[in-house]
Structure formats: structure tokens, C-alpha cells
Amino acid sequence: MERLQILAVIIVSFTSIFPVCLLAQNSPQDYLKIHNDARAAVGVKPLLWDQRLESYAIVFMRKHIEDCLEGEDIHPTGYSQNIAHTRTSEYLLTGADAVKSWVAQKRFYDYKTNSCITGNPGDCINYIAVVSKESTYLGCSRAICNNGCTLVTCYYAPTN
């Protein structure tokens, strides 16, 4: 009985310092759901999770864990990459939040010309990666950096 009480105290203590909501919205299923909902809305086949791409995302996280800045792209040739990061430690970005921000760029995208309405690729390039017909696989990772900010990246590949 005493062990159960100690375990309950540990669990309560952990959840009081680490919000349970942060445990969610960062799994492969969470990344895939938002991506695939956006893809279905425009008639594109769903993405599948790829552990190799996830490992590239983890390598990227390890490289940028100190400063949480975008830095240089280290993705292998042939892969697209989306990056989201916070510039303050006051808001912890979830993987789901990052993907939702990329999908929100849809408003700047013109399907007829397959380009950004504004003429600035930075306004919709992340959305283009999310819904690209050429991509069939996805791998993502998220980290809370040493400076307290959050970094999320996803890699997209045409083949497995």
C-alpha cells in the first residue's frame, strides 16, 4: 500500500510540473492526421510515417538543441523540410501546432499557378510541402531546446 501512495505522489508531482497536454500532439499519428487532413482537402493521397525521415529530423534537433534557431538545412538531397520554432520560452509549440501553422499558409497559395499569391515563396512554401503530390512519406521531430524555446521539423520524401 505504501508503494502505491509513493507512486501516486510521484505521478501527481510529475504532472504538476509537466503539463499532460504536452505529452499529446507530438506523436507520429498527430503529425500524420493534420498533414493527411490537409492533403485530403485537396485530393492528395495520405502520407505514411517513415522512421528514416524521423531520424533525419532527430539529427537536425540534436544539431540545433543549443540555440533552437533554424540554421542551415541539413536535409539530404531530394527531401523537403519544414521548420517551425518559437523565439520565446513562454510558449511551448507542439508538433500539431507547427503543422497547423504550415497548413494555415494555404490562404497564400494559388492552385492554378502552383505558387504563392503574394509572389513571396516564404508565404506558402511550408504549405506546398504539406500537400505536395510528390511526397508520400513523412518523418518529424520536436525538441525543447536548451534556451527553453521549441523547435519542430518535418522531412518529406517521395519514396521509401
N, C-alpha and C. Protein backbone atom coordinates (compact mmCIF):
# COMPACT_ATOMS: atom_id res chain seq x y z
N MET A 1 0.82 -1.20 0.00
CA MET A 1 0.00 0.00 0.00
C MET A 1 0.87 1.26 0.00
N GLU A 2 1.95 1.23 0.79
CA GLU A 2 2.83 2.38 0.88
C GLU A 2 3.47 2.68 -0.48
N ARG A 3 3.82 1.65 -1.25
CA ARG A 3 4.38 1.85 -2.59
C ARG A 3 3.40 2.56 -3.51
N LEU A 4 2.12 2.20 -3.41
CA LEU A 4 1.11 2.85 -4.24
C LEU A 4 0.98 4.33 -3.89
N GLN A 5 1.07 4.66 -2.61
CA GLN A 5 0.99 6.06 -2.20
C GLN A 5 2.19 6.85 -2.73
N ILE A 6 3.37 6.25 -2.65
CA ILE A 6 4.57 6.91 -3.16
C ILE A 6 4.46 7.11 -4.66
N LEU A 7 4.00 6.09 -5.38
CA LEU A 7 3.82 6.19 -6.82
C LEU A 7 2.81 7.29 -7.16
N ALA A 8 1.72 7.38 -6.42
CA ALA A 8 0.72 8.42 -6.67
C ALA A 8 1.31 9.81 -6.46
N VAL A 9 2.14 9.97 -5.44
CA VAL A 9 2.78 11.26 -5.19
C VAL A 9 3.73 11.61 -6.32
N ILE A 10 4.48 10.64 -6.81
CA ILE A 10 5.41 10.88 -7.92
C ILE A 10 4.63 11.29 -9.17
N ILE A 11 3.56 10.60 -9.48
CA ILE A 11 2.76 10.91 -10.67
C ILE A 11 2.15 12.30 -10.54
N VAL A 12 1.57 12.62 -9.41
CA VAL A 12 0.97 13.93 -9.21
C VAL A 12 2.05 15.01 -9.31
N SER A 13 3.21 14.78 -8.71
CA SER A 13 4.29 15.75 -8.77
C SER A 13 4.75 15.96 -10.21
N PHE A 14 4.91 14.88 -10.95
CA PHE A 14 5.36 14.99 -12.34
C PHE A 14 4.36 15.77 -13.18
N THR A 15 3.07 15.45 -13.04
CA THR A 15 2.07 16.13 -13.85
C THR A 15 1.89 17.58 -13.44
N SER A 16 2.24 17.92 -12.22
CA SER A 16 2.11 19.32 -11.82
C SER A 16 3.22 20.17 -12.41
N ILE A 17 4.38 19.57 -12.72
CA ILE A 17 5.46 20.35 -13.33
C ILE A 17 5.54 20.14 -14.83
N PHE A 18 4.90 19.12 -15.35
CA PHE A 18 4.92 18.84 -16.79
C PHE A 18 3.50 18.66 -17.26
N PRO A 19 2.91 19.64 -17.89
CA PRO A 19 1.51 19.54 -18.30
C PRO A 19 1.25 18.33 -19.20
N VAL A 20 0.22 17.60 -18.88
CA VAL A 20 -0.14 16.40 -19.63
C VAL A 20 -0.43 16.73 -21.10
N CYS A 21 -0.95 17.92 -21.36
CA CYS A 21 -1.29 18.29 -22.73
C CYS A 21 -0.06 18.31 -23.65
N LEU A 22 1.14 18.46 -23.06
CA LEU A 22 2.34 18.47 -23.88
C LEU A 22 2.78 17.07 -24.29
N LEU A 23 2.25 16.07 -23.60
CA LEU A 23 2.58 14.70 -23.98
C LEU A 23 1.86 14.33 -25.27
N ALA A 24 0.73 14.94 -25.49
CA ALA A 24 -0.05 14.70 -26.71
C ALA A 24 0.40 15.64 -27.80
N GLN A 25 -0.07 15.43 -28.98
CA GLN A 25 0.14 16.31 -30.13
C GLN A 25 1.58 16.31 -30.63
N ASN A 26 2.32 15.27 -30.34
CA ASN A 26 3.70 15.17 -30.81
C ASN A 26 4.04 13.76 -31.31
N SER A 27 3.05 12.91 -31.42
CA SER A 27 3.28 11.54 -31.88
C SER A 27 3.22 11.48 -33.41
N PRO A 28 3.75 10.43 -34.00
CA PRO A 28 3.63 10.28 -35.45
C PRO A 28 2.17 10.38 -35.93
N GLN A 29 1.25 9.82 -35.16
CA GLN A 29 -0.16 9.87 -35.55
C GLN A 29 -0.68 11.31 -35.57
N ASP A 30 -0.20 12.13 -34.64
CA ASP A 30 -0.64 13.53 -34.59
C ASP A 30 -0.14 14.29 -35.81
N TYR A 31 1.13 14.10 -36.15
CA TYR A 31 1.68 14.75 -37.34
C TYR A 31 0.94 14.28 -38.60
N LEU A 32 0.74 12.98 -38.71
CA LEU A 32 0.08 12.42 -39.89
C LEU A 32 -1.35 12.89 -40.03
N LYS A 33 -2.10 12.95 -38.93
CA LYS A 33 -3.50 13.33 -39.00
C LYS A 33 -3.67 14.72 -39.61
N ILE A 34 -2.93 15.68 -39.12
CA ILE A 34 -3.09 17.06 -39.61
C ILE A 34 -2.60 17.16 -41.05
N HIS A 35 -1.47 16.54 -41.35
CA HIS A 35 -0.99 16.53 -42.73
C HIS A 35 -2.02 15.90 -43.66
N ASN A 36 -2.50 14.73 -43.28
CA ASN A 36 -3.39 13.99 -44.17
C ASN A 36 -4.78 14.61 -44.28
N ASP A 37 -5.23 15.30 -43.25
CA ASP A 37 -6.48 16.05 -43.37
C ASP A 37 -6.33 17.16 -44.41
N ALA A 38 -5.20 17.87 -44.36
CA ALA A 38 -4.95 18.95 -45.34
C ALA A 38 -4.82 18.38 -46.75
N ARG A 39 -4.18 17.23 -46.87
CA ARG A 39 -3.99 16.59 -48.17
C ARG A 39 -5.34 16.10 -48.73
N ALA A 40 -6.16 15.52 -47.87
CA ALA A 40 -7.47 15.03 -48.31
C ALA A 40 -8.34 16.19 -48.81
N ALA A 41 -8.20 17.35 -48.19
CA ALA A 41 -8.99 18.52 -48.58
C ALA A 41 -8.69 18.97 -50.01
N VAL A 42 -7.51 18.60 -50.52
CA VAL A 42 -7.15 19.00 -51.89
C VAL A 42 -6.99 17.77 -52.80
N GLY A 43 -7.45 16.61 -52.32
CA GLY A 43 -7.45 15.41 -53.16
C GLY A 43 -6.10 14.75 -53.35
N VAL A 44 -5.20 14.88 -52.36
CA VAL A 44 -3.88 14.26 -52.46
C VAL A 44 -3.82 13.05 -51.53
N LYS A 45 -3.16 11.99 -51.98
CA LYS A 45 -3.05 10.76 -51.19
C LYS A 45 -2.38 11.03 -49.85
N PRO A 46 -2.75 10.25 -48.83
CA PRO A 46 -2.17 10.45 -47.50
C PRO A 46 -0.69 10.07 -47.44
N LEU A 47 0.00 10.69 -46.50
CA LEU A 47 1.40 10.37 -46.24
C LEU A 47 1.49 9.18 -45.30
N LEU A 48 2.61 8.49 -45.35
CA LEU A 48 2.92 7.40 -44.43
C LEU A 48 4.13 7.82 -43.60
N TRP A 49 4.20 7.32 -42.37
CA TRP A 49 5.33 7.64 -41.50
C TRP A 49 6.56 6.86 -41.92
N ASP A 50 7.71 7.54 -41.87
CA ASP A 50 8.97 6.92 -42.26
C ASP A 50 9.99 7.15 -41.15
N GLN A 51 10.47 6.07 -40.55
CA GLN A 51 11.42 6.18 -39.43
C GLN A 51 12.77 6.76 -39.87
N ARG A 52 13.15 6.52 -41.10
CA ARG A 52 14.41 7.09 -41.59
C ARG A 52 14.31 8.61 -41.63
N LEU A 53 13.19 9.14 -42.13
CA LEU A 53 12.99 10.59 -42.16
C LEU A 53 12.90 11.14 -40.73
N GLU A 54 12.26 10.40 -39.85
CA GLU A 54 12.20 10.80 -38.45
C GLU A 54 13.62 10.90 -37.88
N SER A 55 14.49 9.96 -38.24
CA SER A 55 15.86 10.01 -37.73
C SER A 55 16.61 11.23 -38.26
N TYR A 56 16.35 11.64 -39.51
CA TYR A 56 16.95 12.88 -40.03
C TYR A 56 16.47 14.08 -39.22
N ALA A 57 15.18 14.07 -38.86
CA ALA A 57 14.63 15.16 -38.06
C ALA A 57 15.27 15.19 -36.68
N ILE A 58 15.51 14.03 -36.11
CA ILE A 58 16.16 13.96 -34.79
C ILE A 58 17.59 14.47 -34.88
N VAL A 59 18.31 14.13 -35.94
CA VAL A 59 19.67 14.64 -36.13
C VAL A 59 19.65 16.17 -36.21
N PHE A 60 18.67 16.71 -36.94
CA PHE A 60 18.53 18.16 -37.04
C PHE A 60 18.31 18.76 -35.65
N MET A 61 17.45 18.13 -34.85
CA MET A 61 17.18 18.62 -33.49
C MET A 61 18.46 18.63 -32.66
N ARG A 62 19.20 17.56 -32.71
CA ARG A 62 20.44 17.48 -31.92
C ARG A 62 21.42 18.57 -32.32
N LYS A 63 21.45 18.88 -33.61
CA LYS A 63 22.38 19.90 -34.09
C LYS A 63 21.99 21.29 -33.60
N HIS A 64 20.69 21.52 -33.40
CA HIS A 64 20.20 22.86 -33.06
C HIS A 64 19.62 22.96 -31.65
N ILE A 65 19.91 21.99 -30.80
CA ILE A 65 19.35 21.97 -29.45
C ILE A 65 19.86 23.12 -28.60
N GLU A 66 21.04 23.62 -28.90
CA GLU A 66 21.62 24.72 -28.11
C GLU A 66 20.88 26.03 -28.31
N ASP A 67 20.64 26.41 -29.58
CA ASP A 67 20.11 27.74 -29.85
C ASP A 67 18.69 27.74 -30.39
N CYS A 68 18.20 26.61 -30.86
CA CYS A 68 16.83 26.48 -31.36
C CYS A 68 16.59 27.33 -32.61
N LEU A 69 17.65 27.74 -33.27
CA LEU A 69 17.50 28.53 -34.48
C LEU A 69 17.44 27.61 -35.68
N GLU A 70 16.89 28.09 -36.76
CA GLU A 70 16.77 27.29 -37.96
C GLU A 70 18.13 26.85 -38.48
N GLY A 71 19.06 27.77 -38.54
CA GLY A 71 20.38 27.41 -39.01
C GLY A 71 20.36 26.89 -40.43
N GLU A 72 21.37 26.15 -40.77
CA GLU A 72 21.47 25.62 -42.13
C GLU A 72 20.59 24.39 -42.29
N ASP A 73 20.11 24.18 -43.48
CA ASP A 73 19.36 22.96 -43.77
C ASP A 73 20.35 21.83 -43.91
N ILE A 74 20.06 20.71 -43.26
CA ILE A 74 20.96 19.56 -43.37
C ILE A 74 20.25 18.38 -44.01
N HIS A 75 19.14 18.66 -44.67
CA HIS A 75 18.40 17.55 -45.25
C HIS A 75 19.13 17.01 -46.47
N PRO A 76 19.10 15.70 -46.63
CA PRO A 76 19.73 15.09 -47.80
C PRO A 76 19.04 15.54 -49.09
N THR A 77 19.77 15.54 -50.17
CA THR A 77 19.22 15.94 -51.45
C THR A 77 17.98 15.11 -51.77
N GLY A 78 16.96 15.79 -52.26
CA GLY A 78 15.74 15.09 -52.64
C GLY A 78 14.66 15.11 -51.58
N TYR A 79 14.96 15.64 -50.39
CA TYR A 79 13.96 15.70 -49.34
C TYR A 79 13.58 17.15 -49.07
N SER A 80 12.30 17.37 -48.84
CA SER A 80 11.83 18.69 -48.42
C SER A 80 11.85 18.74 -46.90
N GLN A 81 11.92 19.94 -46.36
CA GLN A 81 11.93 20.10 -44.91
C GLN A 81 11.10 21.31 -44.53
N ASN A 82 10.27 21.17 -43.52
CA ASN A 82 9.57 22.29 -42.90
C ASN A 82 10.11 22.47 -41.49
N ILE A 83 10.24 23.72 -41.07
CA ILE A 83 10.76 24.04 -39.74
C ILE A 83 9.85 25.08 -39.09
N ALA A 84 9.59 24.88 -37.81
CA ALA A 84 8.88 25.87 -37.01
C ALA A 84 9.61 25.98 -35.68
N HIS A 85 9.71 27.18 -35.17
CA HIS A 85 10.32 27.34 -33.85
C HIS A 85 9.78 28.57 -33.16
N THR A 86 9.82 28.53 -31.84
CA THR A 86 9.41 29.69 -31.07
C THR A 86 10.65 30.52 -30.79
N ARG A 87 10.44 31.78 -30.57
CA ARG A 87 11.55 32.69 -30.23
C ARG A 87 11.50 33.08 -28.76
N THR A 88 10.59 32.44 -28.03
CA THR A 88 10.48 32.70 -26.60
C THR A 88 10.19 31.38 -25.89
N SER A 89 10.60 31.28 -24.65
CA SER A 89 10.35 30.06 -23.89
C SER A 89 8.99 30.10 -23.21
N GLU A 90 8.24 31.18 -23.41
CA GLU A 90 6.94 31.32 -22.76
C GLU A 90 5.86 30.46 -23.42
N TYR A 91 6.10 30.00 -24.64
CA TYR A 91 5.12 29.19 -25.36
C TYR A 91 5.80 27.93 -25.89
N LEU A 92 5.31 26.78 -25.49
CA LEU A 92 5.86 25.52 -25.97
C LEU A 92 5.04 25.04 -27.16
N LEU A 93 5.63 25.10 -28.32
CA LEU A 93 4.99 24.70 -29.57
C LEU A 93 4.88 23.19 -29.63
N THR A 94 3.70 22.67 -29.92
CA THR A 94 3.56 21.23 -30.13
C THR A 94 3.79 20.92 -31.60
N GLY A 95 4.00 19.65 -31.89
CA GLY A 95 4.10 19.25 -33.29
C GLY A 95 2.84 19.59 -34.06
N ALA A 96 1.70 19.39 -33.42
CA ALA A 96 0.42 19.71 -34.06
C ALA A 96 0.31 21.20 -34.35
N ASP A 97 0.76 22.04 -33.42
CA ASP A 97 0.74 23.49 -33.63
C ASP A 97 1.56 23.87 -34.86
N ALA A 98 2.74 23.27 -34.97
CA ALA A 98 3.63 23.58 -36.09
C ALA A 98 2.96 23.23 -37.42
N VAL A 99 2.40 22.03 -37.51
CA VAL A 99 1.78 21.60 -38.76
C VAL A 99 0.57 22.48 -39.07
N LYS A 100 -0.20 22.84 -38.06
CA LYS A 100 -1.35 23.73 -38.28
C LYS A 100 -0.89 25.08 -38.83
N SER A 101 0.26 25.57 -38.36
CA SER A 101 0.75 26.86 -38.88
C SER A 101 1.17 26.74 -40.34
N TRP A 102 1.71 25.59 -40.73
CA TRP A 102 2.07 25.39 -42.13
C TRP A 102 0.82 25.28 -43.00
N VAL A 103 -0.18 24.57 -42.50
CA VAL A 103 -1.43 24.41 -43.25
C VAL A 103 -2.14 25.76 -43.39
N ALA A 104 -2.01 26.62 -42.39
CA ALA A 104 -2.65 27.94 -42.45
C ALA A 104 -2.11 28.80 -43.58
N GLN A 105 -0.95 28.45 -44.12
CA GLN A 105 -0.40 29.19 -45.26
C GLN A 105 -1.19 28.95 -46.54
N LYS A 106 -2.15 28.07 -46.49
CA LYS A 106 -3.00 27.77 -47.65
C LYS A 106 -3.61 29.03 -48.24
N ARG A 107 -3.92 29.97 -47.39
CA ARG A 107 -4.57 31.21 -47.85
C ARG A 107 -3.69 32.01 -48.81
N PHE A 108 -2.39 31.74 -48.81
CA PHE A 108 -1.46 32.44 -49.70
C PHE A 108 -1.12 31.64 -50.96
N TYR A 109 -1.76 30.48 -51.14
CA TYR A 109 -1.41 29.58 -52.22
C TYR A 109 -2.42 29.63 -53.36
N ASP A 110 -1.95 29.65 -54.59
CA ASP A 110 -2.79 29.64 -55.78
C ASP A 110 -2.62 28.30 -56.49
N TYR A 111 -3.68 27.50 -56.50
CA TYR A 111 -3.63 26.16 -57.11
C TYR A 111 -3.39 26.21 -58.61
N LYS A 112 -3.94 27.21 -59.28
CA LYS A 112 -3.80 27.28 -60.73
C LYS A 112 -2.36 27.47 -61.17
N THR A 113 -1.63 28.28 -60.44
CA THR A 113 -0.23 28.56 -60.81
C THR A 113 0.77 27.76 -59.99
N ASN A 114 0.27 27.03 -58.97
CA ASN A 114 1.13 26.27 -58.07
C ASN A 114 2.21 27.17 -57.47
N SER A 115 1.79 28.35 -57.02
CA SER A 115 2.73 29.31 -56.44
C SER A 115 2.01 30.15 -55.40
N CYS A 116 2.78 30.97 -54.73
CA CYS A 116 2.22 31.85 -53.71
C CYS A 116 1.55 33.05 -54.37
N ILE A 117 0.40 33.40 -53.88
CA ILE A 117 -0.36 34.54 -54.40
C ILE A 117 0.45 35.83 -54.27
N THR A 118 1.19 35.93 -53.17
CA THR A 118 1.95 37.16 -52.89
C THR A 118 3.21 37.27 -53.74
N GLY A 119 3.60 36.19 -54.36
CA GLY A 119 4.86 36.18 -55.11
C GLY A 119 6.05 35.88 -54.22
N ASN A 120 5.84 35.84 -52.93
CA ASN A 120 6.91 35.53 -51.97
C ASN A 120 6.79 34.07 -51.56
N PRO A 121 7.72 33.20 -51.99
CA PRO A 121 7.62 31.77 -51.66
C PRO A 121 7.56 31.50 -50.16
N GLY A 122 8.14 32.38 -49.37
CA GLY A 122 8.13 32.19 -47.92
C GLY A 122 6.74 32.23 -47.32
N ASP A 123 5.79 32.79 -48.05
CA ASP A 123 4.42 32.89 -47.53
C ASP A 123 3.64 31.60 -47.62
N CYS A 124 4.07 30.66 -48.49
CA CYS A 124 3.30 29.42 -48.61
C CYS A 124 4.15 28.18 -48.88
N ILE A 125 5.45 28.31 -48.81
CA ILE A 125 6.32 27.17 -49.14
C ILE A 125 6.11 25.99 -48.19
N ASN A 126 5.82 26.28 -46.92
CA ASN A 126 5.57 25.18 -45.98
C ASN A 126 4.29 24.44 -46.33
N TYR A 127 3.27 25.19 -46.74
CA TYR A 127 2.01 24.55 -47.15
C TYR A 127 2.23 23.68 -48.37
N ILE A 128 3.01 24.16 -49.32
CA ILE A 128 3.30 23.38 -50.53
C ILE A 128 3.93 22.04 -50.16
N ALA A 129 4.85 22.05 -49.19
CA ALA A 129 5.47 20.79 -48.75
C ALA A 129 4.44 19.85 -48.13
N VAL A 130 3.51 20.39 -47.36
CA VAL A 130 2.48 19.57 -46.71
C VAL A 130 1.61 18.85 -47.74
N VAL A 131 1.22 19.54 -48.82
CA VAL A 131 0.26 18.95 -49.76
C VAL A 131 0.88 18.49 -51.08
N SER A 132 2.19 18.46 -51.16
CA SER A 132 2.85 18.07 -52.40
C SER A 132 2.45 16.65 -52.83
N LYS A 133 2.04 16.51 -54.10
CA LYS A 133 1.69 15.19 -54.64
C LYS A 133 2.90 14.28 -54.71
N GLU A 134 4.09 14.87 -54.83
CA GLU A 134 5.31 14.08 -54.95
C GLU A 134 5.70 13.39 -53.65
N SER A 135 5.29 13.96 -52.52
CA SER A 135 5.65 13.37 -51.23
C SER A 135 4.70 12.24 -50.86
N THR A 136 5.29 11.16 -50.38
CA THR A 136 4.50 10.03 -49.92
C THR A 136 4.86 9.62 -48.50
N TYR A 137 6.01 10.10 -48.01
CA TYR A 137 6.48 9.72 -46.68
C TYR A 137 6.83 10.95 -45.85
N LEU A 138 6.67 10.80 -44.54
CA LEU A 138 6.86 11.89 -43.59
C LEU A 138 7.61 11.39 -42.37
N GLY A 139 8.49 12.23 -41.84
CA GLY A 139 9.15 11.96 -40.57
C GLY A 139 9.41 13.28 -39.87
N CYS A 140 9.02 13.38 -38.60
CA CYS A 140 9.11 14.64 -37.87
C CYS A 140 9.72 14.43 -36.49
N SER A 141 10.14 15.54 -35.90
CA SER A 141 10.64 15.51 -34.53
C SER A 141 10.42 16.88 -33.91
N ARG A 142 10.39 16.90 -32.59
CA ARG A 142 10.19 18.13 -31.82
C ARG A 142 11.13 18.10 -30.63
N ALA A 143 11.65 19.27 -30.27
CA ALA A 143 12.53 19.35 -29.11
C ALA A 143 12.31 20.66 -28.38
N ILE A 144 12.49 20.60 -27.07
CA ILE A 144 12.58 21.82 -26.28
C ILE A 144 14.07 22.06 -26.14
N CYS A 145 14.51 23.17 -26.69
CA CYS A 145 15.93 23.48 -26.75
C CYS A 145 16.47 23.94 -25.40
N ASN A 146 17.80 23.99 -25.32
CA ASN A 146 18.44 24.39 -24.07
C ASN A 146 18.09 25.81 -23.66
N ASN A 147 17.68 26.65 -24.60
CA ASN A 147 17.28 28.02 -24.26
C ASN A 147 15.80 28.11 -23.90
N GLY A 148 15.10 26.96 -23.84
CA GLY A 148 13.70 26.92 -23.45
C GLY A 148 12.71 27.08 -24.59
N CYS A 149 13.19 27.41 -25.77
CA CYS A 149 12.32 27.55 -26.93
C CYS A 149 12.03 26.18 -27.53
N THR A 150 11.08 26.12 -28.45
CA THR A 150 10.68 24.86 -29.06
C THR A 150 11.04 24.85 -30.53
N LEU A 151 11.47 23.71 -31.02
CA LEU A 151 11.84 23.53 -32.42
C LEU A 151 11.13 22.28 -32.94
N VAL A 152 10.49 22.42 -34.12
CA VAL A 152 9.80 21.29 -34.76
C VAL A 152 10.27 21.25 -36.21
N THR A 153 10.55 20.05 -36.71
CA THR A 153 10.87 19.91 -38.12
C THR A 153 10.25 18.63 -38.66
N CYS A 154 9.88 18.69 -39.94
CA CYS A 154 9.37 17.52 -40.66
C CYS A 154 10.12 17.40 -41.97
N TYR A 155 10.42 16.16 -42.34
CA TYR A 155 11.03 15.85 -43.63
C TYR A 155 10.00 15.10 -44.48
N TYR A 156 10.03 15.37 -45.78
CA TYR A 156 9.12 14.76 -46.73
C TYR A 156 9.94 14.08 -47.82
N ALA A 157 9.52 12.88 -48.21
CA ALA A 157 10.25 12.17 -49.26
C ALA A 157 9.28 11.51 -50.22
N PRO A 158 9.72 11.42 -51.48
CA PRO A 158 8.87 10.79 -52.49
C PRO A 158 8.86 9.27 -52.43
N THR A 159 9.89 8.67 -51.89
CA THR A 159 9.92 7.20 -51.86
C THR A 159 10.47 6.74 -50.53
N ASN A 160 10.25 5.49 -50.24
CA ASN A 160 10.77 4.89 -49.00
C ASN A 160 11.90 3.96 -49.32
